[in-house]
All heavy atoms as atom14 arrays in JSON, in Angstrom:
{
  "sequence": "GAEVMADTIGFALPPVQFMAGDKAEAKETVAALLTDLGFEPLDAGAL",
  "atom14_mask": [
    [1, 1, 1, 1, 0, 0, 0, 0, 0, 0, 0, 0, 0, 0],
    [1, 1, 1, 1, 1, 0, 0, 0, 0, 0, 0, 0, 0, 0],
    [1, 1, 1, 1, 1, 1, 1, 1, 1, 0, 0, 0, 0, 0],
    [1, 1, 1, 1, 1, 1, 1, 0, 0, 0, 0, 0, 0, 0],
    [1, 1, 1, 1, 1, 1, 1, 1, 0, 0, 0, 0, 0, 0],
    [1, 1, 1, 1, 1, 0, 0, 0, 0, 0, 0, 0, 0, 0],
    [1, 1, 1, 1, 1, 1, 1, 1, 0, 0, 0, 0, 0, 0],
    [1, 1, 1, 1, 1, 1, 1, 0, 0, 0, 0, 0, 0, 0],
    [1, 1, 1, 1, 1, 1, 1, 1, 0, 0, 0, 0, 0, 0],
    [1, 1, 1, 1, 0, 0, 0, 0, 0, 0, 0, 0, 0, 0],
    [1, 1, 1, 1, 1, 1, 1, 1, 1, 1, 1, 0, 0, 0],
    [1, 1, 1, 1, 1, 0, 0, 0, 0, 0, 0, 0, 0, 0],
    [1, 1, 1, 1, 1, 1, 1, 1, 0, 0, 0, 0, 0, 0],
    [1, 1, 1, 1, 1, 1, 1, 0, 0, 0, 0, 0, 0, 0],
    [1, 1, 1, 1, 1, 1, 1, 0, 0, 0, 0, 0, 0, 0],
    [1, 1, 1, 1, 1, 1, 1, 0, 0, 0, 0, 0, 0, 0],
    [1, 1, 1, 1, 1, 1, 1, 1, 1, 0, 0, 0, 0, 0],
    [1, 1, 1, 1, 1, 1, 1, 1, 1, 1, 1, 0, 0, 0],
    [1, 1, 1, 1, 1, 1, 1, 1, 0, 0, 0, 0, 0, 0],
    [1, 1, 1, 1, 1, 0, 0, 0, 0, 0, 0, 0, 0, 0],
    [1, 1, 1, 1, 0, 0, 0, 0, 0, 0, 0, 0, 0, 0],
    [1, 1, 1, 1, 1, 1, 1, 1, 0, 0, 0, 0, 0, 0],
    [1, 1, 1, 1, 1, 1, 1, 1, 1, 0, 0, 0, 0, 0],
    [1, 1, 1, 1, 1, 0, 0, 0, 0, 0, 0, 0, 0, 0],
    [1, 1, 1, 1, 1, 1, 1, 1, 1, 0, 0, 0, 0, 0],
    [1, 1, 1, 1, 1, 0, 0, 0, 0, 0, 0, 0, 0, 0],
    [1, 1, 1, 1, 1, 1, 1, 1, 1, 0, 0, 0, 0, 0],
    [1, 1, 1, 1, 1, 1, 1, 1, 1, 0, 0, 0, 0, 0],
    [1, 1, 1, 1, 1, 1, 1, 0, 0, 0, 0, 0, 0, 0],
    [1, 1, 1, 1, 1, 1, 1, 0, 0, 0, 0, 0, 0, 0],
    [1, 1, 1, 1, 1, 0, 0, 0, 0, 0, 0, 0, 0, 0],
    [1, 1, 1, 1, 1, 0, 0, 0, 0, 0, 0, 0, 0, 0],
    [1, 1, 1, 1, 1, 1, 1, 1, 0, 0, 0, 0, 0, 0],
    [1, 1, 1, 1, 1, 1, 1, 1, 0, 0, 0, 0, 0, 0],
    [1, 1, 1, 1, 1, 1, 1, 0, 0, 0, 0, 0, 0, 0],
    [1, 1, 1, 1, 1, 1, 1, 1, 0, 0, 0, 0, 0, 0],
    [1, 1, 1, 1, 1, 1, 1, 1, 0, 0, 0, 0, 0, 0],
    [1, 1, 1, 1, 0, 0, 0, 0, 0, 0, 0, 0, 0, 0],
    [1, 1, 1, 1, 1, 1, 1, 1, 1, 1, 1, 0, 0, 0],
    [1, 1, 1, 1, 1, 1, 1, 1, 1, 0, 0, 0, 0, 0],
    [1, 1, 1, 1, 1, 1, 1, 0, 0, 0, 0, 0, 0, 0],
    [1, 1, 1, 1, 1, 1, 1, 1, 0, 0, 0, 0, 0, 0],
    [1, 1, 1, 1, 1, 1, 1, 1, 0, 0, 0, 0, 0, 0],
    [1, 1, 1, 1, 1, 0, 0, 0, 0, 0, 0, 0, 0, 0],
    [1, 1, 1, 1, 0, 0, 0, 0, 0, 0, 0, 0, 0, 0],
    [1, 1, 1, 1, 1, 0, 0, 0, 0, 0, 0, 0, 0, 0],
    [1, 1, 1, 1, 1, 1, 1, 1, 0, 0, 0, 0, 0, 0]
  ],
  "atom14_positions": [
    [[0.8, -1.21, 0.0], [0.0, 0.0, 0.0], [0.84, 1.27, 0.0], [2.07, 1.24, 0.12], [0.0, 0.0, 0.0], [0.0, 0.0, 0.0], [0.0, 0.0, 0.0], [0.0, 0.0, 0.0], [0.0, 0.0, 0.0], [0.0, 0.0, 0.0], [0.0, 0.0, 0.0], [0.0, 0.0, 0.0], [0.0, 0.0, 0.0], [0.0, 0.0, 0.0]],
    [[0.16, 2.39, -0.13], [0.82, 3.69, -0.21], [1.64, 3.99, 1.03], [2.66, 4.69, 0.96], [-0.22, 4.78, -0.44], [0.0, 0.0, 0.0], [0.0, 0.0, 0.0], [0.0, 0.0, 0.0], [0.0, 0.0, 0.0], [0.0, 0.0, 0.0], [0.0, 0.0, 0.0], [0.0, 0.0, 0.0], [0.0, 0.0, 0.0], [0.0, 0.0, 0.0]],
    [[1.2, 3.47, 2.19], [1.92, 3.77, 3.43], [3.35, 3.25, 3.37], [4.28, 3.91, 3.85], [1.19, 3.15, 4.62], [-0.19, 3.74, 4.9], [-1.28, 3.16, 4.01], [-0.99, 2.3, 3.15], [-2.44, 3.58, 4.18], [0.0, 0.0, 0.0], [0.0, 0.0, 0.0], [0.0, 0.0, 0.0], [0.0, 0.0, 0.0], [0.0, 0.0, 0.0]],
    [[3.55, 2.08, 2.81], [4.9, 1.51, 2.69], [5.68, 2.25, 1.62], [6.88, 2.52, 1.77], [4.84, 0.0, 2.4], [6.24, -0.56, 2.2], [4.12, -0.72, 3.52], [0.0, 0.0, 0.0], [0.0, 0.0, 0.0], [0.0, 0.0, 0.0], [0.0, 0.0, 0.0], [0.0, 0.0, 0.0], [0.0, 0.0, 0.0], [0.0, 0.0, 0.0]],
    [[5.02, 2.59, 0.51], [5.71, 3.34, -0.53], [6.21, 4.69, -0.01], [7.27, 5.16, -0.41], [4.78, 3.57, -1.72], [4.35, 2.31, -2.42], [3.31, 2.68, -3.85], [2.56, 1.08, -4.13], [0.0, 0.0, 0.0], [0.0, 0.0, 0.0], [0.0, 0.0, 0.0], [0.0, 0.0, 0.0], [0.0, 0.0, 0.0], [0.0, 0.0, 0.0]],
    [[5.45, 5.29, 0.88], [5.82, 6.6, 1.42], [6.96, 6.52, 2.41], [7.7, 7.49, 2.6], [4.61, 7.24, 2.09], [0.0, 0.0, 0.0], [0.0, 0.0, 0.0], [0.0, 0.0, 0.0], [0.0, 0.0, 0.0], [0.0, 0.0, 0.0], [0.0, 0.0, 0.0], [0.0, 0.0, 0.0], [0.0, 0.0, 0.0], [0.0, 0.0, 0.0]],
    [[7.16, 5.35, 3.04], [8.17, 5.23, 4.1], [8.61, 3.79, 4.23], [7.9, 2.95, 4.8], [7.61, 5.74, 5.42], [8.63, 5.75, 6.53], [9.82, 5.47, 6.26], [8.26, 6.05, 7.68], [0.0, 0.0, 0.0], [0.0, 0.0, 0.0], [0.0, 0.0, 0.0], [0.0, 0.0, 0.0], [0.0, 0.0, 0.0], [0.0, 0.0, 0.0]],
    [[9.79, 3.47, 3.7], [10.32, 2.11, 3.78], [11.33, 1.95, 4.92], [12.0, 0.92, 5.0], [10.99, 1.72, 2.45], [11.98, 2.72, 2.12], [9.98, 1.63, 1.31], [0.0, 0.0, 0.0], [0.0, 0.0, 0.0], [0.0, 0.0, 0.0], [0.0, 0.0, 0.0], [0.0, 0.0, 0.0], [0.0, 0.0, 0.0], [0.0, 0.0, 0.0]],
    [[11.39, 2.93, 5.8], [12.34, 2.88, 6.93], [11.71, 2.12, 8.09], [10.5, 2.18, 8.33], [12.72, 4.31, 7.36], [13.47, 5.01, 6.22], [13.58, 4.3, 8.62], [13.74, 6.47, 6.49], [0.0, 0.0, 0.0], [0.0, 0.0, 0.0], [0.0, 0.0, 0.0], [0.0, 0.0, 0.0], [0.0, 0.0, 0.0], [0.0, 0.0, 0.0]],
    [[12.54, 1.38, 8.83], [12.09, 0.74, 10.05], [11.79, -0.74, 9.91], [11.44, -1.39, 10.9], [0.0, 0.0, 0.0], [0.0, 0.0, 0.0], [0.0, 0.0, 0.0], [0.0, 0.0, 0.0], [0.0, 0.0, 0.0], [0.0, 0.0, 0.0], [0.0, 0.0, 0.0], [0.0, 0.0, 0.0], [0.0, 0.0, 0.0], [0.0, 0.0, 0.0]],
    [[11.93, -1.3, 8.72], [11.71, -2.73, 8.53], [12.99, -3.5, 8.84], [14.09, -2.98, 8.66], [11.27, -3.02, 7.09], [9.9, -2.49, 6.74], [9.76, -1.28, 6.08], [8.76, -3.19, 7.09], [8.51, -0.78, 5.76], [7.51, -2.7, 6.78], [7.38, -1.5, 6.12], [0.0, 0.0, 0.0], [0.0, 0.0, 0.0], [0.0, 0.0, 0.0]],
    [[12.84, -4.74, 9.27], [14.01, -5.55, 9.57], [14.87, -5.81, 8.33], [16.09, -5.93, 8.41], [13.57, -6.88, 10.18], [0.0, 0.0, 0.0], [0.0, 0.0, 0.0], [0.0, 0.0, 0.0], [0.0, 0.0, 0.0], [0.0, 0.0, 0.0], [0.0, 0.0, 0.0], [0.0, 0.0, 0.0], [0.0, 0.0, 0.0], [0.0, 0.0, 0.0]],
    [[14.22, -5.88, 7.18], [14.88, -6.03, 5.88], [14.27, -5.02, 4.93], [13.14, -4.58, 5.13], [14.66, -7.44, 5.33], [15.24, -8.62, 6.11], [14.69, -9.92, 5.54], [16.76, -8.61, 6.01], [0.0, 0.0, 0.0], [0.0, 0.0, 0.0], [0.0, 0.0, 0.0], [0.0, 0.0, 0.0], [0.0, 0.0, 0.0], [0.0, 0.0, 0.0]],
    [[14.98, -4.67, 3.85], [14.35, -3.81, 2.85], [13.12, -4.5, 2.28], [13.17, -5.68, 1.92], [15.44, -3.65, 1.78], [16.72, -3.93, 2.49], [16.39, -4.96, 3.53], [0.0, 0.0, 0.0], [0.0, 0.0, 0.0], [0.0, 0.0, 0.0], [0.0, 0.0, 0.0], [0.0, 0.0, 0.0], [0.0, 0.0, 0.0], [0.0, 0.0, 0.0]],
    [[11.99, -3.82, 2.2], [10.81, -4.44, 1.61], [11.07, -4.85, 0.17], [11.72, -4.13, -0.58], [9.74, -3.34, 1.69], [10.25, -2.37, 2.7], [11.73, -2.44, 2.64], [0.0, 0.0, 0.0], [0.0, 0.0, 0.0], [0.0, 0.0, 0.0], [0.0, 0.0, 0.0], [0.0, 0.0, 0.0], [0.0, 0.0, 0.0], [0.0, 0.0, 0.0]],
    [[10.56, -6.02, -0.2], [10.73, -6.52, -1.56], [9.71, -5.87, -2.49], [8.56, -5.65, -2.11], [10.57, -8.05, -1.59], [10.28, -8.56, -2.99], [11.81, -8.72, -1.03], [0.0, 0.0, 0.0], [0.0, 0.0, 0.0], [0.0, 0.0, 0.0], [0.0, 0.0, 0.0], [0.0, 0.0, 0.0], [0.0, 0.0, 0.0], [0.0, 0.0, 0.0]],
    [[10.14, -5.58, -3.7], [9.24, -5.13, -4.76], [9.63, -5.87, -6.03], [10.71, -5.67, -6.58], [9.33, -3.62, -4.96], [8.23, -3.04, -5.8], [6.85, -3.18, -5.2], [5.92, -3.57, -5.9], [6.7, -2.88, -3.93], [0.0, 0.0, 0.0], [0.0, 0.0, 0.0], [0.0, 0.0, 0.0], [0.0, 0.0, 0.0], [0.0, 0.0, 0.0]],
    [[8.75, -6.78, -6.46], [9.0, -7.52, -7.69], [8.68, -6.65, -8.9], [7.9, -5.7, -8.82], [8.13, -8.78, -7.74], [8.5, -9.82, -6.73], [7.8, -9.92, -5.52], [9.55, -10.68, -6.97], [8.13, -10.89, -4.58], [9.89, -11.66, -6.03], [9.19, -11.75, -4.84], [0.0, 0.0, 0.0], [0.0, 0.0, 0.0], [0.0, 0.0, 0.0]],
    [[9.29, -7.0, -10.03], [8.99, -6.32, -11.29], [9.02, -7.33, -12.42], [9.76, -8.32, -12.37], [9.98, -5.18, -11.55], [11.42, -5.61, -11.53], [12.55, -4.21, -11.74], [14.11, -5.13, -11.67], [0.0, 0.0, 0.0], [0.0, 0.0, 0.0], [0.0, 0.0, 0.0], [0.0, 0.0, 0.0], [0.0, 0.0, 0.0], [0.0, 0.0, 0.0]],
    [[8.19, -7.09, -13.42], [8.12, -7.96, -14.59], [8.09, -7.1, -15.84], [7.4, -6.07, -15.88], [6.88, -8.86, -14.53], [0.0, 0.0, 0.0], [0.0, 0.0, 0.0], [0.0, 0.0, 0.0], [0.0, 0.0, 0.0], [0.0, 0.0, 0.0], [0.0, 0.0, 0.0], [0.0, 0.0, 0.0], [0.0, 0.0, 0.0], [0.0, 0.0, 0.0]],
    [[8.82, -7.51, -16.85], [8.85, -6.75, -18.1], [9.69, -7.45, -19.13], [10.49, -8.35, -18.8], [0.0, 0.0, 0.0], [0.0, 0.0, 0.0], [0.0, 0.0, 0.0], [0.0, 0.0, 0.0], [0.0, 0.0, 0.0], [0.0, 0.0, 0.0], [0.0, 0.0, 0.0], [0.0, 0.0, 0.0], [0.0, 0.0, 0.0], [0.0, 0.0, 0.0]],
    [[9.55, -7.04, -20.38], [10.21, -7.72, -21.48], [11.53, -7.08, -21.91], [12.26, -7.67, -22.7], [9.28, -7.8, -22.7], [8.1, -8.73, -22.45], [8.23, -9.65, -21.63], [7.04, -8.51, -23.08], [0.0, 0.0, 0.0], [0.0, 0.0, 0.0], [0.0, 0.0, 0.0], [0.0, 0.0, 0.0], [0.0, 0.0, 0.0], [0.0, 0.0, 0.0]],
    [[11.84, -5.89, -21.42], [13.06, -5.19, -21.85], [14.01, -5.07, -20.66], [13.71, -4.4, -19.68], [12.73, -3.82, -22.43], [13.93, -3.14, -23.1], [13.52, -1.89, -23.83], [14.71, -1.2, -24.49], [15.35, -2.04, -25.52], [0.0, 0.0, 0.0], [0.0, 0.0, 0.0], [0.0, 0.0, 0.0], [0.0, 0.0, 0.0], [0.0, 0.0, 0.0]],
    [[15.18, -5.7, -20.77], [16.12, -5.73, -19.66], [16.57, -4.34, -19.24], [16.66, -4.05, -18.04], [17.34, -6.58, -20.05], [0.0, 0.0, 0.0], [0.0, 0.0, 0.0], [0.0, 0.0, 0.0], [0.0, 0.0, 0.0], [0.0, 0.0, 0.0], [0.0, 0.0, 0.0], [0.0, 0.0, 0.0], [0.0, 0.0, 0.0], [0.0, 0.0, 0.0]],
    [[16.85, -3.47, -20.2], [17.34, -2.12, -19.86], [16.27, -1.34, -19.1], [16.59, -0.58, -18.19], [17.74, -1.36, -21.12], [18.94, -1.96, -21.85], [18.54, -3.03, -22.86], [17.39, -3.54, -22.8], [19.39, -3.36, -23.71], [0.0, 0.0, 0.0], [0.0, 0.0, 0.0], [0.0, 0.0, 0.0], [0.0, 0.0, 0.0], [0.0, 0.0, 0.0]],
    [[15.02, -1.54, -19.47], [13.93, -0.85, -18.76], [13.83, -1.34, -17.33], [13.61, -0.55, -16.39], [12.61, -1.05, -19.5], [0.0, 0.0, 0.0], [0.0, 0.0, 0.0], [0.0, 0.0, 0.0], [0.0, 0.0, 0.0], [0.0, 0.0, 0.0], [0.0, 0.0, 0.0], [0.0, 0.0, 0.0], [0.0, 0.0, 0.0], [0.0, 0.0, 0.0]],
    [[14.0, -2.64, -17.13], [13.95, -3.17, -15.76], [15.12, -2.67, -14.93], [14.97, -2.44, -13.73], [13.9, -4.7, -15.79], [12.53, -5.24, -16.16], [12.39, -6.73, -15.89], [13.06, -7.55, -16.95], [12.72, -8.99, -16.83], [0.0, 0.0, 0.0], [0.0, 0.0, 0.0], [0.0, 0.0, 0.0], [0.0, 0.0, 0.0], [0.0, 0.0, 0.0]],
    [[16.28, -2.49, -15.54], [17.42, -1.93, -14.81], [17.11, -0.52, -14.33], [17.44, -0.15, -13.2], [18.65, -1.93, -15.71], [19.23, -3.31, -16.0], [20.35, -3.27, -17.02], [20.75, -2.16, -17.42], [20.83, -4.37, -17.41], [0.0, 0.0, 0.0], [0.0, 0.0, 0.0], [0.0, 0.0, 0.0], [0.0, 0.0, 0.0], [0.0, 0.0, 0.0]],
    [[16.47, 0.27, -15.18], [16.09, 1.63, -14.79], [15.09, 1.6, -13.65], [15.23, 2.34, -12.66], [15.5, 2.38, -16.0], [16.49, 2.5, -17.01], [15.01, 3.77, -15.6], [0.0, 0.0, 0.0], [0.0, 0.0, 0.0], [0.0, 0.0, 0.0], [0.0, 0.0, 0.0], [0.0, 0.0, 0.0], [0.0, 0.0, 0.0], [0.0, 0.0, 0.0]],
    [[14.08, 0.75, -13.77], [13.06, 0.67, -12.72], [13.66, 0.14, -11.42], [13.3, 0.6, -10.33], [11.88, -0.19, -13.2], [10.87, -0.41, -12.06], [11.18, 0.47, -14.39], [0.0, 0.0, 0.0], [0.0, 0.0, 0.0], [0.0, 0.0, 0.0], [0.0, 0.0, 0.0], [0.0, 0.0, 0.0], [0.0, 0.0, 0.0], [0.0, 0.0, 0.0]],
    [[14.58, -0.82, -11.52], [15.22, -1.34, -10.32], [15.93, -0.23, -9.56], [15.87, -0.17, -8.32], [16.21, -2.44, -10.69], [0.0, 0.0, 0.0], [0.0, 0.0, 0.0], [0.0, 0.0, 0.0], [0.0, 0.0, 0.0], [0.0, 0.0, 0.0], [0.0, 0.0, 0.0], [0.0, 0.0, 0.0], [0.0, 0.0, 0.0], [0.0, 0.0, 0.0]],
    [[16.6, 0.67, -10.28], [17.27, 1.78, -9.61], [16.27, 2.71, -8.94], [16.51, 3.21, -7.83], [18.11, 2.56, -10.63], [0.0, 0.0, 0.0], [0.0, 0.0, 0.0], [0.0, 0.0, 0.0], [0.0, 0.0, 0.0], [0.0, 0.0, 0.0], [0.0, 0.0, 0.0], [0.0, 0.0, 0.0], [0.0, 0.0, 0.0], [0.0, 0.0, 0.0]],
    [[15.13, 2.93, -9.58], [14.11, 3.78, -8.98], [13.49, 3.13, -7.75], [13.17, 3.81, -6.76], [13.02, 4.1, -10.01], [13.45, 4.97, -11.19], [12.3, 5.13, -12.19], [13.92, 6.34, -10.71], [0.0, 0.0, 0.0], [0.0, 0.0, 0.0], [0.0, 0.0, 0.0], [0.0, 0.0, 0.0], [0.0, 0.0, 0.0], [0.0, 0.0, 0.0]],
    [[13.32, 1.82, -7.78], [12.81, 1.11, -6.6], [13.81, 1.18, -5.45], [13.42, 1.39, -4.29], [12.54, -0.36, -6.96], [11.41, -0.63, -7.95], [11.37, -2.1, -8.32], [10.06, -0.18, -7.38], [0.0, 0.0, 0.0], [0.0, 0.0, 0.0], [0.0, 0.0, 0.0], [0.0, 0.0, 0.0], [0.0, 0.0, 0.0], [0.0, 0.0, 0.0]],
    [[15.08, 1.06, -5.78], [16.12, 1.18, -4.75], [16.1, 2.57, -4.13], [16.27, 2.73, -2.91], [17.5, 0.88, -5.36], [17.5, -0.46, -5.88], [18.6, 1.0, -4.31], [0.0, 0.0, 0.0], [0.0, 0.0, 0.0], [0.0, 0.0, 0.0], [0.0, 0.0, 0.0], [0.0, 0.0, 0.0], [0.0, 0.0, 0.0], [0.0, 0.0, 0.0]],
    [[15.87, 3.59, -4.94], [15.79, 4.95, -4.43], [14.67, 5.12, -3.41], [14.75, 5.97, -2.52], [15.57, 5.94, -5.58], [16.83, 6.16, -6.4], [17.93, 5.84, -5.92], [16.71, 6.67, -7.54], [0.0, 0.0, 0.0], [0.0, 0.0, 0.0], [0.0, 0.0, 0.0], [0.0, 0.0, 0.0], [0.0, 0.0, 0.0], [0.0, 0.0, 0.0]],
    [[13.62, 4.3, -3.55], [12.51, 4.36, -2.59], [12.76, 3.52, -1.35], [11.98, 3.56, -0.4], [11.22, 3.89, -3.26], [10.66, 4.76, -4.38], [9.47, 4.06, -5.05], [10.25, 6.13, -3.87], [0.0, 0.0, 0.0], [0.0, 0.0, 0.0], [0.0, 0.0, 0.0], [0.0, 0.0, 0.0], [0.0, 0.0, 0.0], [0.0, 0.0, 0.0]],
    [[13.84, 2.72, -1.36], [14.16, 1.87, -0.22], [13.73, 0.43, -0.37], [13.81, -0.35, 0.58], [0.0, 0.0, 0.0], [0.0, 0.0, 0.0], [0.0, 0.0, 0.0], [0.0, 0.0, 0.0], [0.0, 0.0, 0.0], [0.0, 0.0, 0.0], [0.0, 0.0, 0.0], [0.0, 0.0, 0.0], [0.0, 0.0, 0.0], [0.0, 0.0, 0.0]],
    [[13.27, 0.04, -1.58], [12.86, -1.34, -1.82], [14.05, -2.18, -2.27], [15.04, -1.66, -2.81], [11.78, -1.4, -2.9], [10.44, -0.89, -2.47], [9.97, 0.34, -2.91], [9.64, -1.65, -1.64], [8.73, 0.81, -2.53], [8.39, -1.19, -1.24], [7.94, 0.06, -1.67], [0.0, 0.0, 0.0], [0.0, 0.0, 0.0], [0.0, 0.0, 0.0]],
    [[13.93, -3.49, -2.09], [14.83, -4.44, -2.73], [14.15, -4.92, -4.0], [13.16, -5.66, -3.95], [15.12, -5.64, -1.83], [16.01, -6.68, -2.51], [16.23, -7.93, -1.69], [15.75, -7.99, -0.54], [16.88, -8.86, -2.23], [0.0, 0.0, 0.0], [0.0, 0.0, 0.0], [0.0, 0.0, 0.0], [0.0, 0.0, 0.0], [0.0, 0.0, 0.0]],
    [[14.63, -4.5, -5.18], [13.98, -4.92, -6.42], [14.35, -6.35, -6.78], [15.52, -6.73, -6.72], [14.53, -3.93, -7.46], [15.84, -3.49, -6.91], [15.74, -3.56, -5.42], [0.0, 0.0, 0.0], [0.0, 0.0, 0.0], [0.0, 0.0, 0.0], [0.0, 0.0, 0.0], [0.0, 0.0, 0.0], [0.0, 0.0, 0.0], [0.0, 0.0, 0.0]],
    [[13.36, -7.15, -7.15], [13.59, -8.52, -7.59], [12.92, -8.72, -8.95], [11.74, -8.4, -9.12], [13.03, -9.53, -6.59], [13.73, -9.61, -5.23], [13.07, -10.67, -4.36], [15.22, -9.9, -5.39], [0.0, 0.0, 0.0], [0.0, 0.0, 0.0], [0.0, 0.0, 0.0], [0.0, 0.0, 0.0], [0.0, 0.0, 0.0], [0.0, 0.0, 0.0]],
    [[13.69, -9.25, -9.89], [13.19, -9.46, -11.24], [12.37, -10.74, -11.3], [12.87, -11.83, -11.01], [14.39, -9.54, -12.2], [13.99, -9.55, -13.66], [12.79, -9.67, -13.96], [14.89, -9.41, -14.51], [0.0, 0.0, 0.0], [0.0, 0.0, 0.0], [0.0, 0.0, 0.0], [0.0, 0.0, 0.0], [0.0, 0.0, 0.0], [0.0, 0.0, 0.0]],
    [[11.1, -10.62, -11.67], [10.22, -11.78, -11.77], [10.22, -12.39, -13.17], [9.62, -13.45, -13.37], [8.78, -11.39, -11.39], [0.0, 0.0, 0.0], [0.0, 0.0, 0.0], [0.0, 0.0, 0.0], [0.0, 0.0, 0.0], [0.0, 0.0, 0.0], [0.0, 0.0, 0.0], [0.0, 0.0, 0.0], [0.0, 0.0, 0.0], [0.0, 0.0, 0.0]],
    [[10.87, -11.72, -14.12], [10.92, -12.27, -15.47], [10.15, -11.43, -16.47], [10.01, -10.22, -16.31], [0.0, 0.0, 0.0], [0.0, 0.0, 0.0], [0.0, 0.0, 0.0], [0.0, 0.0, 0.0], [0.0, 0.0, 0.0], [0.0, 0.0, 0.0], [0.0, 0.0, 0.0], [0.0, 0.0, 0.0], [0.0, 0.0, 0.0], [0.0, 0.0, 0.0]],
    [[9.65, -12.09, -17.51], [8.97, -11.41, -18.62], [7.66, -10.77, -18.14], [7.15, -11.05, -17.05], [8.68, -12.41, -19.73], [0.0, 0.0, 0.0], [0.0, 0.0, 0.0], [0.0, 0.0, 0.0], [0.0, 0.0, 0.0], [0.0, 0.0, 0.0], [0.0, 0.0, 0.0], [0.0, 0.0, 0.0], [0.0, 0.0, 0.0], [0.0, 0.0, 0.0]],
    [[7.1, -9.91, -18.99], [5.87, -9.21, -18.63], [4.74, -10.18, -18.34], [3.85, -9.89, -17.54], [5.47, -8.24, -19.74], [4.34, -7.27, -19.39], [4.73, -6.36, -18.23], [3.92, -6.45, -20.6], [0.0, 0.0, 0.0], [0.0, 0.0, 0.0], [0.0, 0.0, 0.0], [0.0, 0.0, 0.0], [0.0, 0.0, 0.0], [0.0, 0.0, 0.0]]
  ]
}
């Protein structure tokens, strides 16, 4: 939910955020943006 997106501080581990898509370079960009929010990005594979 939005509450976690707004604040990822205070968890025992970085919250996981999966992503799926067909273009590797696009997923790399999104992974960096997820990291900026405090998430651990995990690639789930194709779209």
